[in-house]
Amino acid sequence: MWENRIFKLFIFWYVCGIILLGFDLLPPWLEWANAFFLMLAGTLGFLYFTKRFGVAVGSSLGILIFFSTFIVEWAGADSGFLFGSYDYTDRFAPNIFGVPIAIGFAWLMVMATTHVVARWIFPAGGLLYAIVGGFGAVVIDLIIDPVAYQVKQYWIWEDTGLYYEIPWTNFFGWFVVAFVLHLVIDLSMKKKSMVMASDLPEKRMVLLYVLMIAMFIMLGAIGGLWLAVSLTAVLTALIVMLAWKRRPI
């Protein structure tokens, strides 16, 4: 099955990334591998939605997430809308309208993984599910943004803030976007809920959530971003342990 093959490729790419990035062995000509890595993660998220809701509804959700977040990111980079004022560099190319294509895939990964975490905690859905989903997205960004800005220079903030010179509006924007999209997913769950034959796809999404955060925690530690590393590690452990404890058996 496609998801199994892509998942195996993702794990292979992940291990290679840990070695190359962990020991600073990534050559400049291989920088494109970072974007491809996020595309693989986003594709896994897209395939999860099709597995969870069926091809038609799941694909529609995936397309909506990809394009809506891409438009919001473009508006943010162009005018400072919602997140604050920032600009993407060419280190995360290819870009369209100044926004890396990989960003849409990154949001697919974020939404699929936090959906499962939030659904395990609040299986009935609703506002609490969407709030936890939004919080789970912010937890990821607590480490992704400092690493991408301070260590990798994938984007440059023109606004500033107390947390690694990142404005608070960025994290507020992440919560709002994720919260709204989780409400859309919740509506889809109520209209077309699908019982999967196996819980493997959901466990994979939780594993993907942890693996993505773990990689950025490693990069943050290498870059000396200890506040981001410790804060993200603690919050991730708390939300994942709670989700695992409350998961459907």
C-alpha atoms as a PDB file:
ATOM      1  CA  MET A   1       0.000   0.000   0.000  1.00  0.00           C
ATOM      2  CA  TRP A   2       1.122   3.526  -0.779  1.00  0.00           C
ATOM      3  CA  GLU A   3       1.029   4.743   2.804  1.00  0.00           C
ATOM      4  CA  ASN A   4       3.289   1.880   3.935  1.00  0.00           C
ATOM      5  CA  ARG A   5       5.844   2.616   1.227  1.00  0.00           C
ATOM      6  CA  ILE A   6       5.829   6.349   1.893  1.00  0.00           C
ATOM      7  CA  PHE A   7       6.064   5.757   5.637  1.00  0.00           C
ATOM      8  CA  LYS A   8       9.120   3.531   5.156  1.00  0.00           C
ATOM      9  CA  LEU A   9      10.682   6.163   2.881  1.00  0.00           C
ATOM     10  CA  PHE A  10       9.941   8.809   5.498  1.00  0.00           C
ATOM     11  CA  ILE A  11      11.633   6.743   8.248  1.00  0.00           C
ATOM     12  CA  PHE A  12      14.671   6.201   5.996  1.00  0.00           C
ATOM     13  CA  TRP A  13      14.817   9.931   5.202  1.00  0.00           C
ATOM     14  CA  TYR A  14      14.354  10.732   8.895  1.00  0.00           C
ATOM     15  CA  VAL A  15      17.277   8.545   9.982  1.00  0.00           C
ATOM     16  CA  CYS A  16      19.482  10.047   7.263  1.00  0.00           C
ATOM     17  CA  GLY A  17      18.424  13.526   8.394  1.00  0.00           C
ATOM     18  CA  ILE A  18      19.248  12.789  12.043  1.00  0.00           C
ATOM     19  CA  ILE A  19      22.752  11.677  11.022  1.00  0.00           C
ATOM     20  CA  LEU A  20      23.454  14.468   8.528  1.00  0.00           C
ATOM     21  CA  LEU A  21      21.961  17.284  10.606  1.00  0.00           C
ATOM     22  CA  GLY A  22      23.087  15.933  13.948  1.00  0.00           C
ATOM     23  CA  PHE A  23      26.725  15.782  12.851  1.00  0.00           C
ATOM     24  CA  ASP A  24      26.510  18.855  10.582  1.00  0.00           C
ATOM     25  CA  LEU A  25      27.250  16.775   7.476  1.00  0.00           C
ATOM     26  CA  LEU A  26      24.506  18.161   5.219  1.00  0.00           C
ATOM     27  CA  PRO A  27      26.168  19.721   2.153  1.00  0.00           C
ATOM     28  CA  PRO A  28      24.677  22.936   0.679  1.00  0.00           C
ATOM     29  CA  TRP A  29      23.609  21.163  -2.521  1.00  0.00           C
ATOM     30  CA  LEU A  30      21.413  18.822  -0.428  1.00  0.00           C
ATOM     31  CA  GLU A  31      19.393  21.582   1.281  1.00  0.00           C
ATOM     32  CA  TRP A  32      16.407  20.593  -0.878  1.00  0.00           C
ATOM     33  CA  ALA A  33      16.187  17.405   1.229  1.00  0.00           C
ATOM     34  CA  ASN A  34      14.709  19.423   4.106  1.00  0.00           C
ATOM     35  CA  ALA A  35      11.752  20.537   1.989  1.00  0.00           C
ATOM     36  CA  PHE A  36      11.311  17.018   0.592  1.00  0.00           C
ATOM     37  CA  PHE A  37      11.281  15.700   4.174  1.00  0.00           C
ATOM     38  CA  LEU A  38       8.314  17.924   5.043  1.00  0.00           C
ATOM     39  CA  MET A  39       6.591  16.948   1.808  1.00  0.00           C
ATOM     40  CA  LEU A  40       6.841  13.296   2.810  1.00  0.00           C
ATOM     41  CA  ALA A  41       5.419  14.082   6.260  1.00  0.00           C
ATOM     42  CA  GLY A  42       2.579  16.096   4.719  1.00  0.00           C
ATOM     43  CA  THR A  43       1.802  13.320   2.257  1.00  0.00           C
ATOM     44  CA  LEU A  44       1.472  10.904   5.173  1.00  0.00           C
ATOM     45  CA  GLY A  45      -0.984  13.330   6.751  1.00  0.00           C
ATOM     46  CA  PHE A  46      -2.972  13.567   3.514  1.00  0.00           C
ATOM     47  CA  LEU A  47      -3.111   9.763   3.193  1.00  0.00           C
ATOM     48  CA  TYR A  48      -4.276   9.484   6.793  1.00  0.00           C
ATOM     49  CA  PHE A  49      -7.238  11.758   6.065  1.00  0.00           C
ATOM     50  CA  THR A  50      -8.232   9.622   3.075  1.00  0.00           C
ATOM     51  CA  LYS A  51      -7.972   6.525   5.257  1.00  0.00           C
ATOM     52  CA  ARG A  52      -9.974   8.091   8.076  1.00  0.00           C
ATOM     53  CA  PHE A  53     -12.748   9.756   6.074  1.00  0.00           C
ATOM     54  CA  GLY A  54     -12.665   7.989   2.724  1.00  0.00           C
ATOM     55  CA  VAL A  55     -11.048   9.179  -0.493  1.00  0.00           C
ATOM     56  CA  ALA A  56     -13.575  11.887  -1.405  1.00  0.00           C
ATOM     57  CA  VAL A  57     -13.960  13.585   1.988  1.00  0.00           C
ATOM     58  CA  GLY A  58     -10.377  12.949   3.067  1.00  0.00           C
ATOM     59  CA  SER A  59      -8.949  14.364  -0.168  1.00  0.00           C
ATOM     60  CA  SER A  60     -11.205  17.403   0.108  1.00  0.00           C
ATOM     61  CA  LEU A  61      -9.990  17.999   3.663  1.00  0.00           C
ATOM     62  CA  GLY A  62      -6.362  17.610   2.610  1.00  0.00           C
ATOM     63  CA  ILE A  63      -6.734  20.012  -0.312  1.00  0.00           C
ATOM     64  CA  LEU A  64      -8.573  22.529   1.883  1.00  0.00           C
ATOM     65  CA  ILE A  65      -5.840  22.402   4.531  1.00  0.00           C
ATOM     66  CA  PHE A  66      -3.054  22.722   1.985  1.00  0.00           C
ATOM     67  CA  PHE A  67      -4.437  25.686   0.073  1.00  0.00           C
ATOM     68  CA  SER A  68      -6.025  27.537   2.989  1.00  0.00           C
ATOM     69  CA  THR A  69      -2.827  27.468   5.031  1.00  0.00           C
ATOM     70  CA  PHE A  70      -0.746  28.370   1.975  1.00  0.00           C
ATOM     71  CA  ILE A  71      -2.955  31.413   1.371  1.00  0.00           C
ATOM     72  CA  VAL A  72      -2.776  32.426   5.032  1.00  0.00           C
ATOM     73  CA  GLU A  73       1.015  32.043   4.981  1.00  0.00           C
ATOM     74  CA  TRP A  74       1.214  34.110   1.790  1.00  0.00           C
ATOM     75  CA  ALA A  75      -0.946  36.823   3.376  1.00  0.00           C
ATOM     76  CA  GLY A  76       1.258  36.737   6.453  1.00  0.00           C
ATOM     77  CA  ALA A  77       4.486  37.053   4.494  1.00  0.00           C
ATOM     78  CA  ASP A  78       2.992  39.717   2.227  1.00  0.00           C
ATOM     79  CA  SER A  79       1.239  41.932   4.766  1.00  0.00           C
ATOM     80  CA  GLY A  80       1.884  40.568   8.266  1.00  0.00           C
ATOM     81  CA  PHE A  81      -1.676  39.219   8.452  1.00  0.00           C
ATOM     82  CA  LEU A  82      -2.408  37.150  11.584  1.00  0.00           C
ATOM     83  CA  PHE A  83       1.132  35.873  12.290  1.00  0.00           C
ATOM     84  CA  GLY A  84       3.117  39.102  12.183  1.00  0.00           C
ATOM     85  CA  SER A  85       5.568  40.536   9.665  1.00  0.00           C
ATOM     86  CA  TYR A  86       8.104  38.069   8.229  1.00  0.00           C
ATOM     87  CA  ASP A  87       9.737  37.027   4.966  1.00  0.00           C
ATOM     88  CA  TYR A  88      10.796  33.626   3.687  1.00  0.00           C
ATOM     89  CA  THR A  89      14.335  33.193   2.412  1.00  0.00           C
ATOM     90  CA  ASP A  90      15.327  31.036  -0.564  1.00  0.00           C
ATOM     91  CA  ARG A  91      16.835  28.384   1.726  1.00  0.00           C
ATOM     92  CA  PHE A  92      13.512  26.526   1.808  1.00  0.00           C
ATOM     93  CA  ALA A  93      12.814  26.678  -1.928  1.00  0.00           C
ATOM     94  CA  PRO A  94      10.975  26.037  -4.182  1.00  0.00           C
ATOM     95  CA  ASN A  95       8.780  29.040  -3.410  1.00  0.00           C
ATOM     96  CA  ILE A  96       5.543  30.208  -5.028  1.00  0.00           C
ATOM     97  CA  PHE A  97       4.517  33.825  -4.444  1.00  0.00           C
ATOM     98  CA  GLY A  98       7.299  33.994  -1.883  1.00  0.00           C
ATOM     99  CA  VAL A  99       6.028  31.020   0.162  1.00  0.00           C
ATOM    100  CA  PRO A 100       7.752  27.595   0.157  1.00  0.00           C
ATOM    101  CA  ILE A 101       5.605  24.804  -1.253  1.00  0.00           C
ATOM    102  CA  ALA A 102       6.699  22.665   1.691  1.00  0.00           C
ATOM    103  CA  ILE A 103       4.738  24.916   4.070  1.00  0.00           C
ATOM    104  CA  GLY A 104       1.406  23.554   2.839  1.00  0.00           C
ATOM    105  CA  PHE A 105       2.693  20.020   3.391  1.00  0.00           C
ATOM    106  CA  ALA A 106       3.948  20.969   6.849  1.00  0.00           C
ATOM    107  CA  TRP A 107       0.450  22.112   7.800  1.00  0.00           C
ATOM    108  CA  LEU A 108      -0.990  18.821   6.526  1.00  0.00           C
ATOM    109  CA  MET A 109       1.355  17.011   8.891  1.00  0.00           C
ATOM    110  CA  VAL A 110       0.467  19.347  11.762  1.00  0.00           C
ATOM    111  CA  MET A 111      -3.281  18.993  11.261  1.00  0.00           C
ATOM    112  CA  ALA A 112      -3.304  15.211  10.806  1.00  0.00           C
ATOM    113  CA  THR A 113      -1.088  14.525  13.817  1.00  0.00           C
ATOM    114  CA  THR A 114      -2.777  16.973  16.176  1.00  0.00           C
ATOM    115  CA  HIS A 115      -6.186  15.718  15.030  1.00  0.00           C
ATOM    116  CA  VAL A 116      -5.368  12.239  16.296  1.00  0.00           C
ATOM    117  CA  VAL A 117      -3.861  13.530  19.556  1.00  0.00           C
ATOM    118  CA  ALA A 118      -6.895  15.761  20.206  1.00  0.00           C
ATOM    119  CA  ARG A 119      -9.381  13.068  19.139  1.00  0.00           C
ATOM    120  CA  TRP A 120      -7.833  10.549  21.520  1.00  0.00           C
ATOM    121  CA  ILE A 121      -8.217  13.046  24.364  1.00  0.00           C
ATOM    122  CA  PHE A 122     -11.719  14.225  23.371  1.00  0.00           C
ATOM    123  CA  PRO A 123     -13.248  11.512  21.132  1.00  0.00           C
ATOM    124  CA  ALA A 124     -16.613  13.278  21.079  1.00  0.00           C
ATOM    125  CA  GLY A 125     -15.070  16.229  19.275  1.00  0.00           C
ATOM    126  CA  GLY A 126     -16.453  19.719  19.746  1.00  0.00           C
ATOM    127  CA  LEU A 127     -14.794  22.867  21.071  1.00  0.00           C
ATOM    128  CA  LEU A 128     -12.519  21.103  23.542  1.00  0.00           C
ATOM    129  CA  TYR A 129     -11.222  18.851  20.753  1.00  0.00           C
ATOM    130  CA  ALA A 130     -10.489  21.906  18.578  1.00  0.00           C
ATOM    131  CA  ILE A 131      -8.812  23.759  21.467  1.00  0.00           C
ATOM    132  CA  VAL A 132      -6.517  20.801  22.215  1.00  0.00           C
ATOM    133  CA  GLY A 133      -5.780  20.469  18.491  1.00  0.00           C
ATOM    134  CA  GLY A 134      -4.830  24.139  18.335  1.00  0.00           C
ATOM    135  CA  PHE A 135      -2.680  23.789  21.435  1.00  0.00           C
ATOM    136  CA  GLY A 136      -0.943  20.746  19.940  1.00  0.00           C
ATOM    137  CA  ALA A 137      -0.099  22.801  16.856  1.00  0.00           C
ATOM    138  CA  VAL A 138       1.371  25.594  18.989  1.00  0.00           C
ATOM    139  CA  VAL A 139       3.523  23.045  20.840  1.00  0.00           C
ATOM    140  CA  ILE A 140       5.103  22.047  17.527  1.00  0.00           C
ATOM    141  CA  ASP A 141       5.710  25.668  16.602  1.00  0.00           C
ATOM    142  CA  LEU A 142       7.373  26.410  19.931  1.00  0.00           C
ATOM    143  CA  ILE A 143      10.385  24.468  18.625  1.00  0.00           C
ATOM    144  CA  ILE A 144       9.966  24.728  14.842  1.00  0.00           C
ATOM    145  CA  ASP A 145       9.929  28.516  14.694  1.00  0.00           C
ATOM    146  CA  PRO A 146      13.010  29.193  16.832  1.00  0.00           C
ATOM    147  CA  VAL A 147      15.000  26.542  14.948  1.00  0.00           C
ATOM    148  CA  ALA A 148      13.837  27.676  11.506  1.00  0.00           C
ATOM    149  CA  TYR A 149      14.507  31.338  12.357  1.00  0.00           C
ATOM    150  CA  GLN A 150      17.527  31.291  14.650  1.00  0.00           C
ATOM    151  CA  VAL A 151      19.363  28.190  13.401  1.00  0.00           C
ATOM    152  CA  LYS A 152      18.337  27.508   9.789  1.00  0.00           C
ATOM    153  CA  GLN A 153      17.298  31.019   8.642  1.00  0.00           C
ATOM    154  CA  TYR A 154      14.367  29.683   6.612  1.00  0.00           C
ATOM    155  CA  TRP A 155      12.503  32.932   7.324  1.00  0.00           C
ATOM    156  CA  ILE A 156      13.282  36.310   8.856  1.00  0.00           C
ATOM    157  CA  TRP A 157      11.038  38.059  11.382  1.00  0.00           C
ATOM    158  CA  GLU A 158      10.607  41.794  10.956  1.00  0.00           C
ATOM    159  CA  ASP A 159       8.470  42.019  14.088  1.00  0.00           C
ATOM    160  CA  THR A 160      10.001  40.945  17.367  1.00  0.00           C
ATOM    161  CA  GLY A 161       9.065  39.374  20.684  1.00  0.00           C
ATOM    162  CA  LEU A 162      10.434  38.001  23.952  1.00  0.00           C
ATOM    163  CA  TYR A 163      10.550  34.358  22.805  1.00  0.00           C
ATOM    164  CA  TYR A 164      13.641  34.185  20.575  1.00  0.00           C
ATOM    165  CA  GLU A 165      12.650  37.503  18.999  1.00  0.00           C
ATOM    166  CA  ILE A 166       9.480  35.914  17.608  1.00  0.00           C
ATOM    167  CA  PRO A 167       6.260  37.951  18.043  1.00  0.00           C
ATOM    168  CA  TRP A 168       3.476  36.464  20.173  1.00  0.00           C
ATOM    169  CA  THR A 169       1.098  37.009  17.255  1.00  0.00           C
ATOM    170  CA  ASN A 170       2.819  34.140  15.454  1.00  0.00           C
ATOM    171  CA  PHE A 171       1.791  31.599  18.082  1.00  0.00           C
ATOM    172  CA  PHE A 172      -1.661  33.155  18.352  1.00  0.00           C
ATOM    173  CA  GLY A 173      -1.977  32.841  14.578  1.00  0.00           C
ATOM    174  CA  TRP A 174      -0.943  29.192  14.679  1.00  0.00           C
ATOM    175  CA  PHE A 175      -3.580  28.491  17.309  1.00  0.00           C
ATOM    176  CA  VAL A 176      -6.322  30.305  15.387  1.00  0.00           C
ATOM    177  CA  VAL A 177      -5.569  28.564  12.078  1.00  0.00           C
ATOM    178  CA  ALA A 178      -5.325  25.125  13.680  1.00  0.00           C
ATOM    179  CA  PHE A 179      -8.413  25.716  15.837  1.00  0.00           C
ATOM    180  CA  VAL A 180     -10.568  26.707  12.842  1.00  0.00           C
ATOM    181  CA  LEU A 181      -9.333  23.805  10.711  1.00  0.00           C
ATOM    182  CA  HIS A 182      -9.990  21.380  13.555  1.00  0.00           C
ATOM    183  CA  LEU A 183     -13.563  22.654  13.700  1.00  0.00           C
ATOM    184  CA  VAL A 184     -13.844  21.842   9.991  1.00  0.00           C
ATOM    185  CA  ILE A 185     -12.422  18.364  10.625  1.00  0.00           C
ATOM    186  CA  ASP A 186     -14.838  17.926  13.528  1.00  0.00           C
ATOM    187  CA  LEU A 187     -17.738  18.763  11.212  1.00  0.00           C
ATOM    188  CA  SER A 188     -16.449  16.178   8.738  1.00  0.00           C
ATOM    189  CA  MET A 189     -16.257  13.607  11.534  1.00  0.00           C
ATOM    190  CA  LYS A 190     -19.895  14.194  12.422  1.00  0.00           C
ATOM    191  CA  LYS A 191     -21.029  13.966   8.791  1.00  0.00           C
ATOM    192  CA  LYS A 192     -18.860  11.055   7.721  1.00  0.00           C
ATOM    193  CA  SER A 193     -17.194   9.117  10.498  1.00  0.00           C
ATOM    194  CA  MET A 194     -15.290   6.052   9.340  1.00  0.00           C
ATOM    195  CA  VAL A 195     -14.215   3.168  11.528  1.00  0.00           C
ATOM    196  CA  MET A 196     -10.833   1.961  10.323  1.00  0.00           C
ATOM    197  CA  ALA A 197     -10.062  -1.735  10.275  1.00  0.00           C
ATOM    198  CA  SER A 198      -6.827  -1.023  12.175  1.00  0.00           C
ATOM    199  CA  ASP A 199      -5.635   1.662  14.552  1.00  0.00           C
ATOM    200  CA  LEU A 200      -2.194   1.599  12.908  1.00  0.00           C
ATOM    201  CA  PRO A 201      -2.768   4.790  10.846  1.00  0.00           C
ATOM    202  CA  GLU A 202      -3.625   6.753  14.000  1.00  0.00           C
ATOM    203  CA  LYS A 203      -0.658   5.381  15.932  1.00  0.00           C
ATOM    204  CA  ARG A 204       1.550   6.361  13.023  1.00  0.00           C
ATOM    205  CA  MET A 205       0.266   9.933  13.194  1.00  0.00           C
ATOM    206  CA  VAL A 206       1.102  10.161  16.896  1.00  0.00           C
ATOM    207  CA  LEU A 207       4.542   8.688  16.159  1.00  0.00           C
ATOM    208  CA  LEU A 208       4.955  11.237  13.359  1.00  0.00           C
ATOM    209  CA  TYR A 209       4.060  14.025  15.791  1.00  0.00           C
ATOM    210  CA  VAL A 210       6.713  12.865  18.257  1.00  0.00           C
ATOM    211  CA  LEU A 211       9.362  12.227  15.597  1.00  0.00           C
ATOM    212  CA  MET A 212       8.974  15.659  14.007  1.00  0.00           C
ATOM    213  CA  ILE A 213       9.223  17.408  17.352  1.00  0.00           C
ATOM    214  CA  ALA A 214      12.158  15.226  18.387  1.00  0.00           C
ATOM    215  CA  MET A 215      14.149  16.171  15.291  1.00  0.00           C
ATOM    216  CA  PHE A 216      13.618  19.884  15.890  1.00  0.00           C
ATOM    217  CA  ILE A 217      14.441  19.434  19.578  1.00  0.00           C
ATOM    218  CA  MET A 218      17.757  17.904  18.490  1.00  0.00           C
ATOM    219  CA  LEU A 219      18.429  20.863  16.174  1.00  0.00           C
ATOM    220  CA  GLY A 220      17.401  23.270  18.922  1.00  0.00           C
ATOM    221  CA  ALA A 221      19.809  21.615  21.367  1.00  0.00           C
ATOM    222  CA  ILE A 222      22.624  21.829  18.837  1.00  0.00           C
ATOM    223  CA  GLY A 223      21.804  25.504  18.343  1.00  0.00           C
ATOM    224  CA  GLY A 224      21.688  26.157  22.091  1.00  0.00           C
ATOM    225  CA  LEU A 225      17.957  27.003  22.184  1.00  0.00           C
ATOM    226  CA  TRP A 226      17.506  25.434  25.606  1.00  0.00           C
ATOM    227  CA  LEU A 227      14.320  27.227  26.612  1.00  0.00           C
ATOM    228  CA  ALA A 228      12.569  26.039  23.446  1.00  0.00           C
ATOM    229  CA  VAL A 229      14.002  22.539  23.851  1.00  0.00           C
ATOM    230  CA  SER A 230      12.921  22.109  27.479  1.00  0.00           C
ATOM    231  CA  LEU A 231       9.522  23.792  27.095  1.00  0.00           C
ATOM    232  CA  THR A 232       8.605  21.805  23.996  1.00  0.00           C
ATOM    233  CA  ALA A 233       9.855  18.516  25.442  1.00  0.00           C
ATOM    234  CA  VAL A 234       7.769  18.899  28.602  1.00  0.00           C
ATOM    235  CA  LEU A 235       4.591  19.991  26.806  1.00  0.00           C
ATOM    236  CA  THR A 236       4.953  17.257  24.182  1.00  0.00           C
ATOM    237  CA  ALA A 237       5.426  14.594  26.840  1.00  0.00           C
ATOM    238  CA  LEU A 238       2.352  15.803  28.738  1.00  0.00           C
ATOM    239  CA  ILE A 239      -0.012  15.978  25.766  1.00  0.00           C
ATOM    240  CA  VAL A 240       1.159  12.687  24.212  1.00  0.00           C
ATOM    241  CA  MET A 241       0.991  10.792  27.520  1.00  0.00           C
ATOM    242  CA  LEU A 242      -2.522  12.131  28.139  1.00  0.00           C
ATOM    243  CA  ALA A 243      -3.586  11.165  24.623  1.00  0.00           C
ATOM    244  CA  TRP A 244      -2.085   7.683  24.948  1.00  0.00           C
ATOM    245  CA  LYS A 245      -3.805   7.151  28.294  1.00  0.00           C
ATOM    246  CA  ARG A 246      -7.190   8.172  26.889  1.00  0.00           C
ATOM    247  CA  ARG A 247      -6.836   6.507  23.477  1.00  0.00           C
ATOM    248  CA  PRO A 248      -9.629   4.173  22.309  1.00  0.00           C
ATOM    249  CA  ILE A 249      -8.844   0.553  23.128  1.00  0.00           C
END
